[in-house]
Amino acid sequence: MELCDSLREREHIPEDVFVHFDTPLTWEHEREALCGAGFSEVELIDSIDGVTFIRAAK
């Protein structure tokens, strides 16, 4: 929340404006979250410049 608050202050974003703040997960945590949400097939496709591509199927 502190990071979000500092971003809001730095960019002059009013309190009544919604801000989405994405917290990146490790591949292991991402897989665990997807499996916990009911996905049975979770596959790491590639990771390029900090962007991870995942295929998941229910």
C-alpha atoms as a PDB file:
ATOM      1  CA  MET A   1       0.000   0.000   0.000  1.00  0.00           C
ATOM      2  CA  GLU A   2       2.902   2.347   0.684  1.00  0.00           C
ATOM      3  CA  LEU A   3       4.151   1.936  -2.876  1.00  0.00           C
ATOM      4  CA  CYS A   4       0.659   2.568  -4.253  1.00  0.00           C
ATOM      5  CA  ASP A   5       0.315   5.662  -2.042  1.00  0.00           C
ATOM      6  CA  SER A   6       3.656   7.026  -3.235  1.00  0.00           C
ATOM      7  CA  LEU A   7       2.663   6.430  -6.867  1.00  0.00           C
ATOM      8  CA  ARG A   8      -0.647   8.201  -6.264  1.00  0.00           C
ATOM      9  CA  GLU A   9       1.201  11.159  -4.725  1.00  0.00           C
ATOM     10  CA  ARG A  10       3.923  11.307  -7.378  1.00  0.00           C
ATOM     11  CA  GLU A  11       1.451  11.136 -10.296  1.00  0.00           C
ATOM     12  CA  HIS A  12      -1.153  13.381  -8.588  1.00  0.00           C
ATOM     13  CA  ILE A  13      -3.861  10.699  -8.763  1.00  0.00           C
ATOM     14  CA  PRO A  14      -6.921  11.641  -6.691  1.00  0.00           C
ATOM     15  CA  GLU A  15      -8.168   9.309  -3.960  1.00  0.00           C
ATOM     16  CA  ASP A  16     -11.479   8.730  -5.766  1.00  0.00           C
ATOM     17  CA  VAL A  17      -9.712   7.313  -8.868  1.00  0.00           C
ATOM     18  CA  PHE A  18      -9.236   3.539  -8.971  1.00  0.00           C
ATOM     19  CA  VAL A  19      -5.622   2.400  -9.299  1.00  0.00           C
ATOM     20  CA  HIS A  20      -4.721  -1.161 -10.227  1.00  0.00           C
ATOM     21  CA  PHE A  21      -1.369  -2.192  -8.801  1.00  0.00           C
ATOM     22  CA  ASP A  22      -0.074  -5.535 -10.042  1.00  0.00           C
ATOM     23  CA  THR A  23       2.112  -7.447  -7.609  1.00  0.00           C
ATOM     24  CA  PRO A  24       4.212  -9.941  -9.550  1.00  0.00           C
ATOM     25  CA  LEU A  25       4.389 -13.493  -8.255  1.00  0.00           C
ATOM     26  CA  THR A  26       7.105 -16.069  -8.687  1.00  0.00           C
ATOM     27  CA  TRP A  27       6.306 -18.860 -11.136  1.00  0.00           C
ATOM     28  CA  GLU A  28       5.791 -21.247  -8.210  1.00  0.00           C
ATOM     29  CA  HIS A  29       3.291 -18.931  -6.496  1.00  0.00           C
ATOM     30  CA  GLU A  30       1.513 -18.206  -9.791  1.00  0.00           C
ATOM     31  CA  ARG A  31       1.125 -21.957 -10.464  1.00  0.00           C
ATOM     32  CA  GLU A  32      -0.119 -22.529  -6.913  1.00  0.00           C
ATOM     33  CA  ALA A  33      -2.690 -19.727  -7.250  1.00  0.00           C
ATOM     34  CA  LEU A  34      -3.950 -21.036 -10.610  1.00  0.00           C
ATOM     35  CA  CYS A  35      -4.187 -24.615  -9.325  1.00  0.00           C
ATOM     36  CA  GLY A  36      -6.012 -23.326  -6.249  1.00  0.00           C
ATOM     37  CA  ALA A  37      -8.478 -21.564  -8.555  1.00  0.00           C
ATOM     38  CA  GLY A  38      -9.303 -24.870 -10.240  1.00  0.00           C
ATOM     39  CA  PHE A  39      -6.950 -24.945 -13.206  1.00  0.00           C
ATOM     40  CA  SER A  40      -5.661 -28.482 -13.733  1.00  0.00           C
ATOM     41  CA  GLU A  41      -3.153 -27.856 -16.524  1.00  0.00           C
ATOM     42  CA  VAL A  42      -0.730 -25.030 -15.765  1.00  0.00           C
ATOM     43  CA  GLU A  43       2.319 -24.680 -18.005  1.00  0.00           C
ATOM     44  CA  LEU A  44       5.119 -22.138 -18.153  1.00  0.00           C
ATOM     45  CA  ILE A  45       5.499 -21.247 -21.840  1.00  0.00           C
ATOM     46  CA  ASP A  46       8.299 -18.668 -21.779  1.00  0.00           C
ATOM     47  CA  SER A  47       9.737 -15.727 -19.890  1.00  0.00           C
ATOM     48  CA  ILE A  48      10.987 -12.773 -21.930  1.00  0.00           C
ATOM     49  CA  ASP A  49      12.317  -9.541 -20.430  1.00  0.00           C
ATOM     50  CA  GLY A  50      10.456 -10.061 -17.153  1.00  0.00           C
ATOM     51  CA  VAL A  51       7.160 -11.045 -18.814  1.00  0.00           C
ATOM     52  CA  THR A  52       6.063 -14.613 -18.136  1.00  0.00           C
ATOM     53  CA  PHE A  53       3.710 -16.451 -20.469  1.00  0.00           C
ATOM     54  CA  ILE A  54       1.556 -19.137 -18.852  1.00  0.00           C
ATOM     55  CA  ARG A  55      -0.982 -21.501 -20.382  1.00  0.00           C
ATOM     56  CA  ALA A  56      -3.692 -22.735 -18.012  1.00  0.00           C
ATOM     57  CA  ALA A  57      -6.749 -24.883 -18.688  1.00  0.00           C
ATOM     58  CA  LYS A  58      -9.646 -26.017 -16.527  1.00  0.00           C
END
